[in-house]
C-alpha cells in the first residue's frame, strides 16, 4: 500500500474555517442556493446579553463571512427550515418579546416577512417542514414565548400550510414536553430528542426523552431515549436513515459536552458518532458535501466565534 493510499483512507478531522464575525449562539442557519447563511443570534458583552439582527453569508472560496443585510428586528432561538428557494425562520425572541412571524431569506439573499404566521409566539421550539407538493406545512412544537420563563412552555404543536398560510393548533399531548429540544425531519416524520423541564422558577431538569411525530397520524410515538439527559443538543439529518446528534449541556456537575451519537431511524438505536471539535451547544449545517460546526455557547454567559467543517462522509462512517 502506498503512502498516498494510506493518506486517502485516513479519517478526516474537523477543519477550522474562518470564525464568525461576532461570537454567536442561537442563530438561524441553513443553506440558500448552495451557500451557508446564518442570521441573528445572541452574544455577550460586558456581562450583558446582546440580541443580534445581522445576516451573514459564508464565502467558501474566499473563506470569509460577509454581511448581506439585517433582519427586521434582533432575533434568536427561532426554528430554521430550508425550502427550495430559501430559508424560513419561524418564531424566536427579540430580547423583549416572543415572535410569531415567519421570515424568509430568499434565493436573492434578501430578507422578507412572509404572509405566514404562527398561531402562538414561541422560542426555543423544535420543528421542520413535512409533507409534499401543495401539502407541505411548517410544524413547530413546544418552546416558550419567553425563553427565560421556564414554566411557560407551549403544550401543543402549531401547523402552518406553506401553500395558503392556513394555521392549525395540533392536539395537546400531556406526555409531550418540548423545550430546548432538538429535532430533524426524515421522510414523513420529525424526530425529536431531549428536553428540559422546569423544577422551579429558576431550575431545570434535563430529559433524555425522544419521540417521533408522523404526518400520517399527527401523533407522537416514543422512541429509544437519548443516551444522555442533556439539553442544547443539536440534530442534523445525514441521510435517509441517520441523524447526527452532538454537543449539549447537563449532568452533575453540569458542564458542556462535545460527545456525539448517530441515531438510526430504521433500527431505533444509537451508535457513538464523531465528537465535535468543541464542547458546546453549537449550530450544525450541511451543504451536502460538508458538515459545518458553527459558533455556539461554550460557557455560561459566553459565545464562541470558532467554526469548523468536515466531509459529510466522515460522519456517516460507523
C-alpha atoms as a PDB file:
ATOM      1  CA  UNK A   1       0.000   0.000   0.000  1.00  0.00           C
ATOM      2  CA  UNK A   2       1.420   3.393  -0.964  1.00  0.00           C
ATOM      3  CA  UNK A   3       1.629   6.384   1.352  1.00  0.00           C
ATOM      4  CA  UNK A   4      -0.838   8.225  -0.877  1.00  0.00           C
ATOM      5  CA  UNK A   5      -3.386   5.424  -0.493  1.00  0.00           C
ATOM      6  CA  UNK A   6      -2.868   5.361   3.246  1.00  0.00           C
ATOM      7  CA  UNK A   7      -3.476   9.112   3.439  1.00  0.00           C
ATOM      8  CA  UNK A   8      -6.672   8.756   1.441  1.00  0.00           C
ATOM      9  CA  UNK A   9      -8.023   6.113   3.808  1.00  0.00           C
ATOM     10  CA  UNK A  10      -7.094   8.020   6.979  1.00  0.00           C
ATOM     11  CA  UNK A  11     -10.062   9.581   8.706  1.00  0.00           C
ATOM     12  CA  UNK A  12     -10.563  13.289   8.147  1.00  0.00           C
ATOM     13  CA  UNK A  13     -10.741  15.616  11.131  1.00  0.00           C
ATOM     14  CA  UNK A  14     -12.689  18.806  11.737  1.00  0.00           C
ATOM     15  CA  UNK A  15     -11.000  21.543   9.696  1.00  0.00           C
ATOM     16  CA  UNK A  16     -11.001  25.110  11.088  1.00  0.00           C
ATOM     17  CA  UNK A  17     -12.546  27.735   8.813  1.00  0.00           C
ATOM     18  CA  UNK A  18     -12.951  31.496   9.190  1.00  0.00           C
ATOM     19  CA  UNK A  19     -14.503  32.471  12.536  1.00  0.00           C
ATOM     20  CA  UNK A  20     -17.885  34.163  12.737  1.00  0.00           C
ATOM     21  CA  UNK A  21     -17.796  37.981  12.606  1.00  0.00           C
ATOM     22  CA  UNK A  22     -19.227  38.021  16.146  1.00  0.00           C
ATOM     23  CA  UNK A  23     -19.154  35.275  18.810  1.00  0.00           C
ATOM     24  CA  UNK A  24     -22.669  33.931  18.421  1.00  0.00           C
ATOM     25  CA  UNK A  25     -25.172  31.306  19.513  1.00  0.00           C
ATOM     26  CA  UNK A  26     -28.877  30.701  18.994  1.00  0.00           C
ATOM     27  CA  UNK A  27     -28.802  31.963  15.401  1.00  0.00           C
ATOM     28  CA  UNK A  28     -30.850  30.692  12.465  1.00  0.00           C
ATOM     29  CA  UNK A  29     -28.792  28.740   9.943  1.00  0.00           C
ATOM     30  CA  UNK A  30     -29.192  26.965   6.636  1.00  0.00           C
ATOM     31  CA  UNK A  31     -28.083  26.669   3.030  1.00  0.00           C
ATOM     32  CA  UNK A  32     -29.530  29.060   0.431  1.00  0.00           C
ATOM     33  CA  UNK A  33     -28.672  28.399  -3.209  1.00  0.00           C
ATOM     34  CA  UNK A  34     -25.706  26.310  -2.156  1.00  0.00           C
ATOM     35  CA  UNK A  35     -24.299  28.930   0.234  1.00  0.00           C
ATOM     36  CA  UNK A  36     -24.206  28.831   4.006  1.00  0.00           C
ATOM     37  CA  UNK A  37     -26.178  31.597   5.752  1.00  0.00           C
ATOM     38  CA  UNK A  38     -26.690  32.474   9.415  1.00  0.00           C
ATOM     39  CA  UNK A  39     -28.987  35.151  10.827  1.00  0.00           C
ATOM     40  CA  UNK A  40     -29.476  36.803  14.193  1.00  0.00           C
ATOM     41  CA  UNK A  41     -28.447  35.054  17.408  1.00  0.00           C
ATOM     42  CA  UNK A  42     -27.034  36.259  20.713  1.00  0.00           C
ATOM     43  CA  UNK A  43     -23.667  37.278  22.092  1.00  0.00           C
ATOM     44  CA  UNK A  44     -22.370  38.635  25.412  1.00  0.00           C
ATOM     45  CA  UNK A  45     -20.588  41.917  26.002  1.00  0.00           C
ATOM     46  CA  UNK A  46     -19.560  43.309  29.393  1.00  0.00           C
ATOM     47  CA  UNK A  47     -21.721  40.664  31.109  1.00  0.00           C
ATOM     48  CA  UNK A  48     -24.795  41.765  29.113  1.00  0.00           C
ATOM     49  CA  UNK A  49     -26.629  39.543  26.660  1.00  0.00           C
ATOM     50  CA  UNK A  50     -26.895  41.174  23.227  1.00  0.00           C
ATOM     51  CA  UNK A  51     -29.506  40.167  20.662  1.00  0.00           C
ATOM     52  CA  UNK A  52     -28.319  40.309  17.046  1.00  0.00           C
ATOM     53  CA  UNK A  53     -30.045  41.202  13.760  1.00  0.00           C
ATOM     54  CA  UNK A  54     -27.253  40.755  11.206  1.00  0.00           C
ATOM     55  CA  UNK A  55     -27.352  38.218   8.347  1.00  0.00           C
ATOM     56  CA  UNK A  56     -24.040  36.675   7.229  1.00  0.00           C
ATOM     57  CA  UNK A  57     -23.085  34.515   4.259  1.00  0.00           C
ATOM     58  CA  UNK A  58     -20.066  32.218   4.170  1.00  0.00           C
ATOM     59  CA  UNK A  59     -17.932  32.581   1.026  1.00  0.00           C
ATOM     60  CA  UNK A  60     -16.197  29.192   0.848  1.00  0.00           C
ATOM     61  CA  UNK A  61     -13.884  30.277  -1.970  1.00  0.00           C
ATOM     62  CA  UNK A  62     -12.517  33.229  -0.005  1.00  0.00           C
ATOM     63  CA  UNK A  63     -13.011  31.503   3.367  1.00  0.00           C
ATOM     64  CA  UNK A  64     -14.706  34.533   4.874  1.00  0.00           C
ATOM     65  CA  UNK A  65     -18.055  35.664   6.228  1.00  0.00           C
ATOM     66  CA  UNK A  66     -19.806  38.585   4.538  1.00  0.00           C
ATOM     67  CA  UNK A  67     -22.620  40.751   5.897  1.00  0.00           C
ATOM     68  CA  UNK A  68     -25.545  40.632   3.467  1.00  0.00           C
ATOM     69  CA  UNK A  69     -28.244  42.504   5.368  1.00  0.00           C
ATOM     70  CA  UNK A  70     -30.305  42.626   8.517  1.00  0.00           C
ATOM     71  CA  UNK A  71     -33.418  41.016   9.954  1.00  0.00           C
ATOM     72  CA  UNK A  72     -36.406  43.314  10.677  1.00  0.00           C
ATOM     73  CA  UNK A  73     -35.504  43.032  14.371  1.00  0.00           C
ATOM     74  CA  UNK A  74     -32.991  41.224  16.569  1.00  0.00           C
ATOM     75  CA  UNK A  75     -33.875  37.542  16.722  1.00  0.00           C
ATOM     76  CA  UNK A  76     -32.648  34.290  18.262  1.00  0.00           C
ATOM     77  CA  UNK A  77     -33.963  30.832  19.130  1.00  0.00           C
ATOM     78  CA  UNK A  78     -36.338  30.502  16.173  1.00  0.00           C
ATOM     79  CA  UNK A  79     -36.974  27.363  14.105  1.00  0.00           C
ATOM     80  CA  UNK A  80     -34.898  27.224  10.898  1.00  0.00           C
ATOM     81  CA  UNK A  81     -36.272  25.299   7.923  1.00  0.00           C
ATOM     82  CA  UNK A  82     -34.732  25.092   4.465  1.00  0.00           C
ATOM     83  CA  UNK A  83     -37.077  25.345   1.475  1.00  0.00           C
ATOM     84  CA  UNK A  84     -36.352  25.023  -2.241  1.00  0.00           C
ATOM     85  CA  UNK A  85     -35.802  28.747  -2.739  1.00  0.00           C
ATOM     86  CA  UNK A  86     -34.581  29.912   0.624  1.00  0.00           C
ATOM     87  CA  UNK A  87     -34.522  29.598   4.394  1.00  0.00           C
ATOM     88  CA  UNK A  88     -37.529  30.101   6.689  1.00  0.00           C
ATOM     89  CA  UNK A  89     -37.126  31.370  10.262  1.00  0.00           C
ATOM     90  CA  UNK A  90     -40.214  30.787  12.397  1.00  0.00           C
ATOM     91  CA  UNK A  91     -40.802  32.466  15.736  1.00  0.00           C
ATOM     92  CA  UNK A  92     -37.961  33.266  18.103  1.00  0.00           C
ATOM     93  CA  UNK A  93     -37.297  36.003  20.661  1.00  0.00           C
ATOM     94  CA  UNK A  94     -36.047  39.536  20.020  1.00  0.00           C
ATOM     95  CA  UNK A  95     -34.728  40.292  23.503  1.00  0.00           C
ATOM     96  CA  UNK A  96     -38.014  41.819  24.635  1.00  0.00           C
ATOM     97  CA  UNK A  97     -40.812  39.595  23.362  1.00  0.00           C
ATOM     98  CA  UNK A  98     -41.579  36.344  21.601  1.00  0.00           C
ATOM     99  CA  UNK A  99     -42.207  36.489  17.863  1.00  0.00           C
ATOM    100  CA  UNK A 100     -44.802  34.714  15.740  1.00  0.00           C
ATOM    101  CA  UNK A 101     -43.669  35.916  12.289  1.00  0.00           C
ATOM    102  CA  UNK A 102     -42.139  33.615   9.694  1.00  0.00           C
ATOM    103  CA  UNK A 103     -39.222  35.339   7.946  1.00  0.00           C
ATOM    104  CA  UNK A 104     -37.554  34.199   4.751  1.00  0.00           C
ATOM    105  CA  UNK A 105     -34.071  34.606   3.350  1.00  0.00           C
ATOM    106  CA  UNK A 106     -34.743  34.127  -0.354  1.00  0.00           C
ATOM    107  CA  UNK A 107     -32.652  32.942  -3.271  1.00  0.00           C
ATOM    108  CA  UNK A 108     -31.570  36.575  -3.757  1.00  0.00           C
ATOM    109  CA  UNK A 109     -30.331  36.537  -0.124  1.00  0.00           C
ATOM    110  CA  UNK A 110     -32.796  39.286   0.828  1.00  0.00           C
ATOM    111  CA  UNK A 111     -34.892  39.060   3.992  1.00  0.00           C
ATOM    112  CA  UNK A 112     -38.674  39.334   3.797  1.00  0.00           C
ATOM    113  CA  UNK A 113     -41.531  38.850   6.228  1.00  0.00           C
ATOM    114  CA  UNK A 114     -43.759  36.169   4.715  1.00  0.00           C
ATOM    115  CA  UNK A 115     -47.576  36.072   4.930  1.00  0.00           C
ATOM    116  CA  UNK A 116     -47.167  33.000   7.151  1.00  0.00           C
ATOM    117  CA  UNK A 117     -47.563  33.399  10.898  1.00  0.00           C
ATOM    118  CA  UNK A 118     -47.540  31.071  13.873  1.00  0.00           C
ATOM    119  CA  UNK A 119     -50.739  30.990  15.939  1.00  0.00           C
ATOM    120  CA  UNK A 120     -48.601  31.403  19.091  1.00  0.00           C
ATOM    121  CA  UNK A 121     -45.305  33.242  19.554  1.00  0.00           C
ATOM    122  CA  UNK A 122     -42.615  30.851  20.737  1.00  0.00           C
ATOM    123  CA  UNK A 123     -38.838  30.457  21.059  1.00  0.00           C
ATOM    124  CA  UNK A 124     -36.543  27.521  21.766  1.00  0.00           C
ATOM    125  CA  UNK A 125     -39.120  25.371  19.980  1.00  0.00           C
ATOM    126  CA  UNK A 126     -38.430  22.493  17.596  1.00  0.00           C
ATOM    127  CA  UNK A 127     -39.879  21.831  14.161  1.00  0.00           C
ATOM    128  CA  UNK A 128     -39.469  21.481  10.435  1.00  0.00           C
ATOM    129  CA  UNK A 129     -41.282  21.138   7.133  1.00  0.00           C
ATOM    130  CA  UNK A 130     -43.297  17.982   6.477  1.00  0.00           C
ATOM    131  CA  UNK A 131     -45.458  16.886   3.563  1.00  0.00           C
ATOM    132  CA  UNK A 132     -45.030  17.176  -0.186  1.00  0.00           C
ATOM    133  CA  UNK A 133     -46.293  19.351  -3.039  1.00  0.00           C
ATOM    134  CA  UNK A 134     -49.182  21.583  -2.038  1.00  0.00           C
ATOM    135  CA  UNK A 135     -49.494  19.649   1.227  1.00  0.00           C
ATOM    136  CA  UNK A 136     -46.246  20.955   2.689  1.00  0.00           C
ATOM    137  CA  UNK A 137     -46.591  22.543   6.112  1.00  0.00           C
ATOM    138  CA  UNK A 138     -44.329  24.095   8.690  1.00  0.00           C
ATOM    139  CA  UNK A 139     -44.668  22.312  12.043  1.00  0.00           C
ATOM    140  CA  UNK A 140     -43.476  23.951  15.262  1.00  0.00           C
ATOM    141  CA  UNK A 141     -43.712  22.238  18.652  1.00  0.00           C
ATOM    142  CA  UNK A 142     -43.252  23.479  22.205  1.00  0.00           C
ATOM    143  CA  UNK A 143     -40.918  26.271  23.164  1.00  0.00           C
ATOM    144  CA  UNK A 144     -41.848  29.295  25.236  1.00  0.00           C
ATOM    145  CA  UNK A 145     -42.830  32.867  24.308  1.00  0.00           C
ATOM    146  CA  UNK A 146     -40.100  33.989  26.723  1.00  0.00           C
ATOM    147  CA  UNK A 147     -37.015  31.737  26.903  1.00  0.00           C
ATOM    148  CA  UNK A 148     -36.339  32.958  30.446  1.00  0.00           C
ATOM    149  CA  UNK A 149     -39.749  31.754  31.677  1.00  0.00           C
ATOM    150  CA  UNK A 150     -39.222  28.060  32.126  1.00  0.00           C
ATOM    151  CA  UNK A 151     -42.837  27.426  33.156  1.00  0.00           C
ATOM    152  CA  UNK A 152     -44.354  28.977  30.020  1.00  0.00           C
ATOM    153  CA  UNK A 153     -43.834  26.094  27.577  1.00  0.00           C
ATOM    154  CA  UNK A 154     -46.389  25.874  24.759  1.00  0.00           C
ATOM    155  CA  UNK A 155     -48.104  22.492  25.347  1.00  0.00           C
ATOM    156  CA  UNK A 156     -49.139  21.819  21.750  1.00  0.00           C
ATOM    157  CA  UNK A 157     -47.929  21.908  18.169  1.00  0.00           C
ATOM    158  CA  UNK A 158     -48.563  24.530  15.504  1.00  0.00           C
ATOM    159  CA  UNK A 159     -49.055  23.741  11.819  1.00  0.00           C
ATOM    160  CA  UNK A 160     -48.871  26.380   9.079  1.00  0.00           C
ATOM    161  CA  UNK A 161     -49.570  25.488   5.445  1.00  0.00           C
ATOM    162  CA  UNK A 162     -46.881  26.756   3.063  1.00  0.00           C
ATOM    163  CA  UNK A 163     -49.471  26.807   0.276  1.00  0.00           C
ATOM    164  CA  UNK A 164     -52.109  29.112   1.760  1.00  0.00           C
ATOM    165  CA  UNK A 165     -50.966  30.045   5.278  1.00  0.00           C
ATOM    166  CA  UNK A 166     -53.806  28.132   6.936  1.00  0.00           C
ATOM    167  CA  UNK A 167     -52.970  27.521  10.584  1.00  0.00           C
ATOM    168  CA  UNK A 168     -53.921  24.700  12.894  1.00  0.00           C
ATOM    169  CA  UNK A 169     -53.256  24.002  16.560  1.00  0.00           C
ATOM    170  CA  UNK A 170     -52.424  20.329  16.952  1.00  0.00           C
ATOM    171  CA  UNK A 171     -53.930  18.351  19.804  1.00  0.00           C
ATOM    172  CA  UNK A 172     -52.300  18.827  23.181  1.00  0.00           C
ATOM    173  CA  UNK A 173     -50.467  15.760  24.446  1.00  0.00           C
ATOM    174  CA  UNK A 174     -49.704  15.911  28.205  1.00  0.00           C
ATOM    175  CA  UNK A 175     -46.915  13.367  27.763  1.00  0.00           C
ATOM    176  CA  UNK A 176     -45.009  15.617  25.350  1.00  0.00           C
ATOM    177  CA  UNK A 177     -42.910  18.421  26.829  1.00  0.00           C
ATOM    178  CA  UNK A 178     -40.618  20.110  24.318  1.00  0.00           C
ATOM    179  CA  UNK A 179     -38.323  22.921  25.441  1.00  0.00           C
ATOM    180  CA  UNK A 180     -34.724  23.386  24.276  1.00  0.00           C
ATOM    181  CA  UNK A 181     -35.280  20.165  22.334  1.00  0.00           C
ATOM    182  CA  UNK A 182     -33.608  19.269  19.046  1.00  0.00           C
ATOM    183  CA  UNK A 183     -35.003  17.544  16.000  1.00  0.00           C
ATOM    184  CA  UNK A 184     -34.576  16.604  12.360  1.00  0.00           C
ATOM    185  CA  UNK A 185     -37.000  15.754   9.570  1.00  0.00           C
ATOM    186  CA  UNK A 186     -36.505  12.384   7.910  1.00  0.00           C
ATOM    187  CA  UNK A 187     -39.061  11.219   5.344  1.00  0.00           C
ATOM    188  CA  UNK A 188     -42.585  11.929   6.560  1.00  0.00           C
ATOM    189  CA  UNK A 189     -41.537  12.274  10.182  1.00  0.00           C
ATOM    190  CA  UNK A 190     -39.958  14.675  12.661  1.00  0.00           C
ATOM    191  CA  UNK A 191     -37.602  13.004  15.128  1.00  0.00           C
ATOM    192  CA  UNK A 192     -37.143  14.939  18.373  1.00  0.00           C
ATOM    193  CA  UNK A 193     -34.581  14.328  21.106  1.00  0.00           C
ATOM    194  CA  UNK A 194     -34.098  15.548  24.700  1.00  0.00           C
ATOM    195  CA  UNK A 195     -35.874  18.350  26.500  1.00  0.00           C
ATOM    196  CA  UNK A 196     -35.739  20.484  29.641  1.00  0.00           C
ATOM    197  CA  UNK A 197     -38.423  20.838  32.283  1.00  0.00           C
ATOM    198  CA  UNK A 198     -38.687  23.463  34.996  1.00  0.00           C
ATOM    199  CA  UNK A 199     -38.487  22.076  38.525  1.00  0.00           C
ATOM    200  CA  UNK A 200     -38.756  25.582  39.996  1.00  0.00           C
ATOM    201  CA  UNK A 201     -38.888  29.102  38.531  1.00  0.00           C
ATOM    202  CA  UNK A 202     -35.091  29.064  38.252  1.00  0.00           C
ATOM    203  CA  UNK A 203     -34.029  25.405  37.966  1.00  0.00           C
ATOM    204  CA  UNK A 204     -34.211  22.922  35.103  1.00  0.00           C
ATOM    205  CA  UNK A 205     -34.325  19.142  34.844  1.00  0.00           C
ATOM    206  CA  UNK A 206     -32.864  17.671  31.663  1.00  0.00           C
ATOM    207  CA  UNK A 207     -34.804  14.863  29.984  1.00  0.00           C
ATOM    208  CA  UNK A 208     -33.438  12.135  27.698  1.00  0.00           C
ATOM    209  CA  UNK A 209     -36.889  11.503  26.174  1.00  0.00           C
ATOM    210  CA  UNK A 210     -37.062  11.017  22.407  1.00  0.00           C
ATOM    211  CA  UNK A 211     -40.069  10.652  20.107  1.00  0.00           C
ATOM    212  CA  UNK A 212     -41.224  10.771  16.504  1.00  0.00           C
ATOM    213  CA  UNK A 213     -44.126  12.755  15.000  1.00  0.00           C
ATOM    214  CA  UNK A 214     -45.633  11.377  11.790  1.00  0.00           C
ATOM    215  CA  UNK A 215     -47.826  13.413   9.473  1.00  0.00           C
ATOM    216  CA  UNK A 216     -49.988  10.394   8.624  1.00  0.00           C
ATOM    217  CA  UNK A 217     -51.336  10.200  12.164  1.00  0.00           C
ATOM    218  CA  UNK A 218     -50.367  13.607  13.590  1.00  0.00           C
ATOM    219  CA  UNK A 219     -49.383  11.769  16.736  1.00  0.00           C
ATOM    220  CA  UNK A 220     -46.204  11.241  18.727  1.00  0.00           C
ATOM    221  CA  UNK A 221     -44.645   7.827  19.282  1.00  0.00           C
ATOM    222  CA  UNK A 222     -41.857   7.264  21.839  1.00  0.00           C
ATOM    223  CA  UNK A 223     -38.512   6.031  20.501  1.00  0.00           C
ATOM    224  CA  UNK A 224     -35.386   4.907  22.315  1.00  0.00           C
ATOM    225  CA  UNK A 225     -34.321   7.662  24.747  1.00  0.00           C
ATOM    226  CA  UNK A 226     -31.201   9.682  24.017  1.00  0.00           C
ATOM    227  CA  UNK A 227     -28.136   8.137  25.700  1.00  0.00           C
ATOM    228  CA  UNK A 228     -27.637  11.190  27.921  1.00  0.00           C
ATOM    229  CA  UNK A 229     -30.049  13.583  29.711  1.00  0.00           C
ATOM    230  CA  UNK A 230     -28.598  16.733  28.164  1.00  0.00           C
ATOM    231  CA  UNK A 231     -30.206  19.880  26.836  1.00  0.00           C
ATOM    232  CA  UNK A 232     -28.965  22.001  23.964  1.00  0.00           C
ATOM    233  CA  UNK A 233     -28.021  19.001  21.819  1.00  0.00           C
ATOM    234  CA  UNK A 234     -28.005  19.795  18.069  1.00  0.00           C
ATOM    235  CA  UNK A 235     -29.508  17.432  15.467  1.00  0.00           C
ATOM    236  CA  UNK A 236     -28.608  17.200  11.783  1.00  0.00           C
ATOM    237  CA  UNK A 237     -30.006  14.770   9.200  1.00  0.00           C
ATOM    238  CA  UNK A 238     -27.124  12.971   7.482  1.00  0.00           C
ATOM    239  CA  UNK A 239     -29.055  10.759   5.049  1.00  0.00           C
ATOM    240  CA  UNK A 240     -32.387   8.926   4.737  1.00  0.00           C
ATOM    241  CA  UNK A 241     -31.866   6.906   7.934  1.00  0.00           C
ATOM    242  CA  UNK A 242     -29.173   8.609  10.038  1.00  0.00           C
ATOM    243  CA  UNK A 243     -29.377  11.657  12.290  1.00  0.00           C
ATOM    244  CA  UNK A 244     -26.254  13.168  13.853  1.00  0.00           C
ATOM    245  CA  UNK A 245     -26.729  14.452  17.423  1.00  0.00           C
ATOM    246  CA  UNK A 246     -23.947  16.337  19.152  1.00  0.00           C
ATOM    247  CA  UNK A 247     -22.924  18.636  21.981  1.00  0.00           C
ATOM    248  CA  UNK A 248     -25.161  19.829  24.765  1.00  0.00           C
ATOM    249  CA  UNK A 249     -25.140  20.704  28.430  1.00  0.00           C
ATOM    250  CA  UNK A 250     -26.106  18.913  31.615  1.00  0.00           C
ATOM    251  CA  UNK A 251     -25.451  16.280  34.267  1.00  0.00           C
ATOM    252  CA  UNK A 252     -23.946  16.908  37.679  1.00  0.00           C
ATOM    253  CA  UNK A 253     -21.688  18.768  37.967  1.00  0.00           C
ATOM    254  CA  UNK A 254     -23.168  20.467  34.928  1.00  0.00           C
ATOM    255  CA  UNK A 255     -20.846  21.065  32.003  1.00  0.00           C
ATOM    256  CA  UNK A 256     -20.714  21.409  28.220  1.00  0.00           C
ATOM    257  CA  UNK A 257     -20.026  18.375  26.024  1.00  0.00           C
ATOM    258  CA  UNK A 258     -18.548  17.550  22.639  1.00  0.00           C
ATOM    259  CA  UNK A 259     -19.777  13.946  22.504  1.00  0.00           C
ATOM    260  CA  UNK A 260     -21.904  12.835  19.564  1.00  0.00           C
ATOM    261  CA  UNK A 261     -24.233   9.978  18.664  1.00  0.00           C
ATOM    262  CA  UNK A 262     -25.869   8.899  15.416  1.00  0.00           C
ATOM    263  CA  UNK A 263     -29.478   7.719  15.545  1.00  0.00           C
ATOM    264  CA  UNK A 264     -30.668   5.100  13.064  1.00  0.00           C
ATOM    265  CA  UNK A 265     -34.335   5.755  12.267  1.00  0.00           C
ATOM    266  CA  UNK A 266     -34.920   2.224  10.949  1.00  0.00           C
ATOM    267  CA  UNK A 267     -33.194   0.295  13.721  1.00  0.00           C
ATOM    268  CA  UNK A 268     -34.274   2.705  16.507  1.00  0.00           C
ATOM    269  CA  UNK A 269     -30.821   2.702  18.042  1.00  0.00           C
ATOM    270  CA  UNK A 270     -27.807   4.948  18.600  1.00  0.00           C
ATOM    271  CA  UNK A 271     -24.137   4.482  17.873  1.00  0.00           C
ATOM    272  CA  UNK A 272     -21.252   6.631  19.038  1.00  0.00           C
ATOM    273  CA  UNK A 273     -20.504   9.332  16.483  1.00  0.00           C
ATOM    274  CA  UNK A 274     -17.528  11.573  15.787  1.00  0.00           C
ATOM    275  CA  UNK A 275     -17.251  14.163  18.541  1.00  0.00           C
ATOM    276  CA  UNK A 276     -17.491  17.878  17.897  1.00  0.00           C
ATOM    277  CA  UNK A 277     -14.257  19.898  17.825  1.00  0.00           C
ATOM    278  CA  UNK A 278     -15.565  21.894  20.796  1.00  0.00           C
ATOM    279  CA  UNK A 279     -17.631  21.239  23.914  1.00  0.00           C
ATOM    280  CA  UNK A 280     -20.643  23.486  23.365  1.00  0.00           C
ATOM    281  CA  UNK A 281     -24.205  23.943  22.184  1.00  0.00           C
ATOM    282  CA  UNK A 282     -23.423  24.636  18.535  1.00  0.00           C
ATOM    283  CA  UNK A 283     -25.020  25.286  15.161  1.00  0.00           C
ATOM    284  CA  UNK A 284     -24.785  22.419  12.642  1.00  0.00           C
ATOM    285  CA  UNK A 285     -25.466  22.792   8.911  1.00  0.00           C
ATOM    286  CA  UNK A 286     -24.714  20.615   5.882  1.00  0.00           C
ATOM    287  CA  UNK A 287     -24.391  21.693   2.261  1.00  0.00           C
ATOM    288  CA  UNK A 288     -24.424  18.071   1.094  1.00  0.00           C
ATOM    289  CA  UNK A 289     -20.633  17.883   0.887  1.00  0.00           C
ATOM    290  CA  UNK A 290     -19.505  19.205   4.253  1.00  0.00           C
ATOM    291  CA  UNK A 291     -20.985  19.449   7.723  1.00  0.00           C
ATOM    292  CA  UNK A 292     -20.270  22.786   9.387  1.00  0.00           C
ATOM    293  CA  UNK A 293     -19.935  23.325  13.148  1.00  0.00           C
ATOM    294  CA  UNK A 294     -20.618  26.993  13.831  1.00  0.00           C
ATOM    295  CA  UNK A 295     -20.163  29.116  16.941  1.00  0.00           C
ATOM    296  CA  UNK A 296     -22.362  28.395  19.925  1.00  0.00           C
ATOM    297  CA  UNK A 297     -22.457  28.585  23.706  1.00  0.00           C
ATOM    298  CA  UNK A 298     -19.289  27.079  25.172  1.00  0.00           C
ATOM    299  CA  UNK A 299     -19.517  28.552  28.676  1.00  0.00           C
ATOM    300  CA  UNK A 300     -22.055  30.347  30.812  1.00  0.00           C
ATOM    301  CA  UNK A 301     -22.561  33.922  29.614  1.00  0.00           C
ATOM    302  CA  UNK A 302     -20.195  33.295  26.720  1.00  0.00           C
ATOM    303  CA  UNK A 303     -20.341  32.617  22.989  1.00  0.00           C
ATOM    304  CA  UNK A 304     -17.627  31.412  20.626  1.00  0.00           C
ATOM    305  CA  UNK A 305     -16.868  32.576  17.092  1.00  0.00           C
ATOM    306  CA  UNK A 306     -14.984  29.407  16.129  1.00  0.00           C
ATOM    307  CA  UNK A 307     -16.104  27.385  13.100  1.00  0.00           C
ATOM    308  CA  UNK A 308     -15.087  24.079  11.533  1.00  0.00           C
ATOM    309  CA  UNK A 309     -16.135  21.768   8.752  1.00  0.00           C
ATOM    310  CA  UNK A 310     -15.748  18.055   7.986  1.00  0.00           C
ATOM    311  CA  UNK A 311     -16.707  15.932   4.958  1.00  0.00           C
ATOM    312  CA  UNK A 312     -20.246  14.594   5.378  1.00  0.00           C
ATOM    313  CA  UNK A 313     -18.987  11.104   4.561  1.00  0.00           C
ATOM    314  CA  UNK A 314     -16.869  11.112   7.740  1.00  0.00           C
ATOM    315  CA  UNK A 315     -19.946  11.387   9.950  1.00  0.00           C
ATOM    316  CA  UNK A 316     -21.657   8.543   8.078  1.00  0.00           C
ATOM    317  CA  UNK A 317     -18.900   6.100   8.931  1.00  0.00           C
ATOM    318  CA  UNK A 318     -19.785   3.557  11.656  1.00  0.00           C
END
